[in-house]
Amino acid sequence: MPAMTDADSQASARAADADAQSRVRLDKWLWAARFFKTRTLAAEAVSGGKVHVGGRRVKPAHAVRVGELLRVQRGPDEYLIEIKGLGDRRGPAKEAALLYEETADSRLRREQLSEQRRIQRLAAPLPPIRPTKQDRRRIVRFTRQDEPDG
């Protein structure tokens, strides 16, 4: 086996560096793309099965590449996104939005669910205030009317 020259070692170092730049850990990317506030939350979401890459469940250390499809479940919302850029630094929201593109179908579905939740909240409004002590006594008297004396 021939000995490695300086040029060979520099070329392999550049290739390794280029490969490292073309891949980023999933939890780090989710954090940089502002899907989660901390890397710990991102890692917990990935470990908990809330994030799938290409339809498969993966680990937080999974190396993502440009062009991969992610399904991210965040609360009641589900995002179907394609990775457009890699980033391992958390920057402004405008820069983070350039790292991915949400599918039109996903955006439409999220908007419909949001509208449904809004309508449900309007249909069953919460009482404006808590019952007073007098109101609670009336409620108790009313509910105990049906109980037999004992």
C-alpha atoms as a PDB file:
ATOM      1  CA  MET A   1       0.000   0.000   0.000  1.00  0.00           C
ATOM      2  CA  PRO A   2       1.549   3.334  -1.016  1.00  0.00           C
ATOM      3  CA  ALA A   3       2.146   5.992   1.614  1.00  0.00           C
ATOM      4  CA  MET A   4      -0.281   8.920   1.739  1.00  0.00           C
ATOM      5  CA  THR A   5       1.116  12.211   0.543  1.00  0.00           C
ATOM      6  CA  ASP A   6       0.171  15.620   1.864  1.00  0.00           C
ATOM      7  CA  ALA A   7      -1.924  16.279  -1.243  1.00  0.00           C
ATOM      8  CA  ASP A   8      -3.828  13.019  -0.712  1.00  0.00           C
ATOM      9  CA  SER A   9      -4.514  13.797   2.931  1.00  0.00           C
ATOM     10  CA  GLN A  10      -5.650  17.344   2.085  1.00  0.00           C
ATOM     11  CA  ALA A  11      -7.964  16.036  -0.652  1.00  0.00           C
ATOM     12  CA  SER A  12      -9.494  13.465   1.689  1.00  0.00           C
ATOM     13  CA  ALA A  13      -9.893  16.143   4.375  1.00  0.00           C
ATOM     14  CA  ARG A  14     -11.700  18.398   1.871  1.00  0.00           C
ATOM     15  CA  ALA A  15     -13.928  15.514   0.789  1.00  0.00           C
ATOM     16  CA  ALA A  16     -14.765  14.702   4.412  1.00  0.00           C
ATOM     17  CA  ASP A  17     -15.455  18.399   5.079  1.00  0.00           C
ATOM     18  CA  ALA A  18     -17.735  18.656   2.007  1.00  0.00           C
ATOM     19  CA  ASP A  19     -19.540  15.478   3.100  1.00  0.00           C
ATOM     20  CA  ALA A  20     -19.975  16.879   6.619  1.00  0.00           C
ATOM     21  CA  GLN A  21     -21.423  20.089   5.176  1.00  0.00           C
ATOM     22  CA  SER A  22     -23.890  18.128   3.054  1.00  0.00           C
ATOM     23  CA  ARG A  23     -25.302  16.382   6.137  1.00  0.00           C
ATOM     24  CA  VAL A  24     -26.572  17.714   9.454  1.00  0.00           C
ATOM     25  CA  ARG A  25     -28.015  15.948  12.495  1.00  0.00           C
ATOM     26  CA  LEU A  26     -31.809  15.877  12.401  1.00  0.00           C
ATOM     27  CA  ASP A  27     -32.291  17.361  15.871  1.00  0.00           C
ATOM     28  CA  LYS A  28     -29.862  20.172  15.072  1.00  0.00           C
ATOM     29  CA  TRP A  29     -31.580  20.916  11.760  1.00  0.00           C
ATOM     30  CA  LEU A  30     -35.050  21.014  13.372  1.00  0.00           C
ATOM     31  CA  TRP A  31     -33.722  23.448  15.958  1.00  0.00           C
ATOM     32  CA  ALA A  32     -32.010  25.627  13.310  1.00  0.00           C
ATOM     33  CA  ALA A  33     -35.195  25.616  11.179  1.00  0.00           C
ATOM     34  CA  ARG A  34     -37.110  26.824  14.269  1.00  0.00           C
ATOM     35  CA  PHE A  35     -39.493  23.899  14.545  1.00  0.00           C
ATOM     36  CA  PHE A  36     -38.451  23.488  18.187  1.00  0.00           C
ATOM     37  CA  LYS A  37     -37.186  26.036  20.685  1.00  0.00           C
ATOM     38  CA  THR A  38     -34.316  23.888  21.989  1.00  0.00           C
ATOM     39  CA  ARG A  39     -32.270  20.998  20.645  1.00  0.00           C
ATOM     40  CA  THR A  40     -33.391  18.946  23.612  1.00  0.00           C
ATOM     41  CA  LEU A  41     -37.042  19.395  22.629  1.00  0.00           C
ATOM     42  CA  ALA A  42     -36.157  18.515  19.042  1.00  0.00           C
ATOM     43  CA  ALA A  43     -34.320  15.357  20.153  1.00  0.00           C
ATOM     44  CA  GLU A  44     -37.233  14.340  22.400  1.00  0.00           C
ATOM     45  CA  ALA A  45     -39.699  14.827  19.548  1.00  0.00           C
ATOM     46  CA  VAL A  46     -37.588  12.686  17.210  1.00  0.00           C
ATOM     47  CA  SER A  47     -37.117   9.980  19.849  1.00  0.00           C
ATOM     48  CA  GLY A  48     -40.829  10.072  20.648  1.00  0.00           C
ATOM     49  CA  GLY A  49     -41.811   9.351  17.045  1.00  0.00           C
ATOM     50  CA  LYS A  50     -43.115  12.840  16.254  1.00  0.00           C
ATOM     51  CA  VAL A  51     -40.671  13.248  13.344  1.00  0.00           C
ATOM     52  CA  HIS A  52     -40.361  10.850  10.401  1.00  0.00           C
ATOM     53  CA  VAL A  53     -37.844  11.023   7.556  1.00  0.00           C
ATOM     54  CA  GLY A  54     -39.021   9.482   4.308  1.00  0.00           C
ATOM     55  CA  GLY A  55     -41.860   7.753   6.148  1.00  0.00           C
ATOM     56  CA  ARG A  56     -39.523   6.071   8.638  1.00  0.00           C
ATOM     57  CA  ARG A  57     -38.937   6.682  12.312  1.00  0.00           C
ATOM     58  CA  VAL A  58     -35.329   7.751  12.934  1.00  0.00           C
ATOM     59  CA  LYS A  59     -32.989   8.743  15.747  1.00  0.00           C
ATOM     60  CA  PRO A  60     -32.005  12.334  16.623  1.00  0.00           C
ATOM     61  CA  ALA A  61     -28.495  11.789  15.230  1.00  0.00           C
ATOM     62  CA  HIS A  62     -29.823  10.830  11.788  1.00  0.00           C
ATOM     63  CA  ALA A  63     -27.977  12.829   9.119  1.00  0.00           C
ATOM     64  CA  VAL A  64     -30.439  14.717   6.935  1.00  0.00           C
ATOM     65  CA  ARG A  65     -29.696  15.774   3.368  1.00  0.00           C
ATOM     66  CA  VAL A  66     -31.161  18.325   1.004  1.00  0.00           C
ATOM     67  CA  GLY A  67     -34.237  16.941  -0.752  1.00  0.00           C
ATOM     68  CA  GLU A  68     -35.395  14.610   2.025  1.00  0.00           C
ATOM     69  CA  LEU A  69     -39.049  14.676   3.069  1.00  0.00           C
ATOM     70  CA  LEU A  70     -39.903  15.137   6.745  1.00  0.00           C
ATOM     71  CA  ARG A  71     -43.188  14.721   8.588  1.00  0.00           C
ATOM     72  CA  VAL A  72     -43.137  16.791  11.777  1.00  0.00           C
ATOM     73  CA  GLN A  73     -45.979  16.485  14.295  1.00  0.00           C
ATOM     74  CA  ARG A  74     -46.027  19.554  16.544  1.00  0.00           C
ATOM     75  CA  GLY A  75     -49.036  19.653  18.832  1.00  0.00           C
ATOM     76  CA  PRO A  76     -52.190  19.248  16.748  1.00  0.00           C
ATOM     77  CA  ASP A  77     -50.393  20.432  13.592  1.00  0.00           C
ATOM     78  CA  GLU A  78     -48.594  18.147  11.156  1.00  0.00           C
ATOM     79  CA  TYR A  79     -46.046  19.574   8.710  1.00  0.00           C
ATOM     80  CA  LEU A  80     -44.949  17.763   5.541  1.00  0.00           C
ATOM     81  CA  ILE A  81     -41.773  19.499   4.450  1.00  0.00           C
ATOM     82  CA  GLU A  82     -38.922  19.087   2.000  1.00  0.00           C
ATOM     83  CA  ILE A  83     -35.450  20.100   3.105  1.00  0.00           C
ATOM     84  CA  LYS A  84     -34.136  22.879   0.828  1.00  0.00           C
ATOM     85  CA  GLY A  85     -31.020  23.836   2.757  1.00  0.00           C
ATOM     86  CA  LEU A  86     -28.885  22.700   5.657  1.00  0.00           C
ATOM     87  CA  GLY A  87     -28.098  24.762   8.684  1.00  0.00           C
ATOM     88  CA  ASP A  88     -26.583  23.968  12.038  1.00  0.00           C
ATOM     89  CA  ARG A  89     -26.848  27.499  13.437  1.00  0.00           C
ATOM     90  CA  ARG A  90     -30.092  28.997  14.683  1.00  0.00           C
ATOM     91  CA  GLY A  91     -30.603  32.312  12.944  1.00  0.00           C
ATOM     92  CA  PRO A  92     -33.440  34.723  12.243  1.00  0.00           C
ATOM     93  CA  ALA A  93     -36.814  33.306  11.247  1.00  0.00           C
ATOM     94  CA  LYS A  94     -36.409  34.609   7.686  1.00  0.00           C
ATOM     95  CA  GLU A  95     -33.222  32.566   7.257  1.00  0.00           C
ATOM     96  CA  ALA A  96     -34.811  29.523   8.907  1.00  0.00           C
ATOM     97  CA  ALA A  97     -37.732  29.638   6.464  1.00  0.00           C
ATOM     98  CA  LEU A  98     -35.259  29.201   3.590  1.00  0.00           C
ATOM     99  CA  LEU A  99     -34.134  25.829   4.967  1.00  0.00           C
ATOM    100  CA  TYR A 100     -37.382  24.059   4.045  1.00  0.00           C
ATOM    101  CA  GLU A 101     -40.516  24.210   1.931  1.00  0.00           C
ATOM    102  CA  GLU A 102     -43.860  22.962   3.174  1.00  0.00           C
ATOM    103  CA  THR A 103     -45.990  21.068   0.666  1.00  0.00           C
ATOM    104  CA  ALA A 104     -49.170  22.804  -0.511  1.00  0.00           C
ATOM    105  CA  ASP A 105     -51.286  19.848   0.641  1.00  0.00           C
ATOM    106  CA  SER A 106     -49.800  20.046   4.142  1.00  0.00           C
ATOM    107  CA  ARG A 107     -50.372  23.800   4.388  1.00  0.00           C
ATOM    108  CA  LEU A 108     -53.989  23.432   3.220  1.00  0.00           C
ATOM    109  CA  ARG A 109     -54.671  20.627   5.718  1.00  0.00           C
ATOM    110  CA  ARG A 110     -53.176  22.657   8.609  1.00  0.00           C
ATOM    111  CA  GLU A 111     -55.270  25.711   7.691  1.00  0.00           C
ATOM    112  CA  GLN A 112     -58.448  23.617   7.542  1.00  0.00           C
ATOM    113  CA  LEU A 113     -57.770  22.061  10.950  1.00  0.00           C
ATOM    114  CA  SER A 114     -56.992  25.476  12.394  1.00  0.00           C
ATOM    115  CA  GLU A 115     -60.294  26.808  11.081  1.00  0.00           C
ATOM    116  CA  GLN A 116     -62.156  23.820  12.565  1.00  0.00           C
ATOM    117  CA  ARG A 117     -60.547  24.425  15.975  1.00  0.00           C
ATOM    118  CA  ARG A 118     -61.465  28.124  15.791  1.00  0.00           C
ATOM    119  CA  ILE A 119     -65.102  27.297  15.002  1.00  0.00           C
ATOM    120  CA  GLN A 120     -65.271  24.756  17.825  1.00  0.00           C
ATOM    121  CA  ARG A 121     -63.971  27.341  20.294  1.00  0.00           C
ATOM    122  CA  LEU A 122     -66.656  29.786  19.167  1.00  0.00           C
ATOM    123  CA  ALA A 123     -69.411  27.156  19.384  1.00  0.00           C
ATOM    124  CA  ALA A 124     -68.641  26.302  23.020  1.00  0.00           C
ATOM    125  CA  PRO A 125     -67.405  29.456  24.704  1.00  0.00           C
ATOM    126  CA  LEU A 126     -66.046  29.280  28.235  1.00  0.00           C
ATOM    127  CA  PRO A 127     -68.016  30.967  30.995  1.00  0.00           C
ATOM    128  CA  PRO A 128     -66.860  34.553  31.438  1.00  0.00           C
ATOM    129  CA  ILE A 129     -66.173  34.209  35.180  1.00  0.00           C
ATOM    130  CA  ARG A 130     -65.928  31.561  37.864  1.00  0.00           C
ATOM    131  CA  PRO A 131     -69.029  30.890  39.952  1.00  0.00           C
ATOM    132  CA  THR A 132     -69.294  32.936  43.119  1.00  0.00           C
ATOM    133  CA  LYS A 133     -69.743  31.341  46.527  1.00  0.00           C
ATOM    134  CA  GLN A 134     -73.479  32.005  46.322  1.00  0.00           C
ATOM    135  CA  ASP A 135     -73.613  30.407  42.851  1.00  0.00           C
ATOM    136  CA  ARG A 136     -71.751  27.331  44.132  1.00  0.00           C
ATOM    137  CA  ARG A 137     -74.228  26.932  47.008  1.00  0.00           C
ATOM    138  CA  ARG A 138     -77.125  27.099  44.558  1.00  0.00           C
ATOM    139  CA  ILE A 139     -75.439  24.482  42.357  1.00  0.00           C
ATOM    140  CA  VAL A 140     -74.906  22.183  45.339  1.00  0.00           C
ATOM    141  CA  ARG A 141     -78.543  22.596  46.489  1.00  0.00           C
ATOM    142  CA  PHE A 142     -79.768  21.911  42.968  1.00  0.00           C
ATOM    143  CA  THR A 143     -77.640  18.784  42.510  1.00  0.00           C
ATOM    144  CA  ARG A 144     -78.602  17.408  45.942  1.00  0.00           C
ATOM    145  CA  GLN A 145     -82.332  17.735  45.224  1.00  0.00           C
ATOM    146  CA  ASP A 146     -82.293  14.380  43.488  1.00  0.00           C
ATOM    147  CA  GLU A 147     -80.487  12.589  46.332  1.00  0.00           C
ATOM    148  CA  PRO A 148     -82.614  10.704  48.849  1.00  0.00           C
ATOM    149  CA  ASP A 149     -82.350  11.852  52.482  1.00  0.00           C
ATOM    150  CA  GLY A 150     -80.036   9.651  54.408  1.00  0.00           C
END
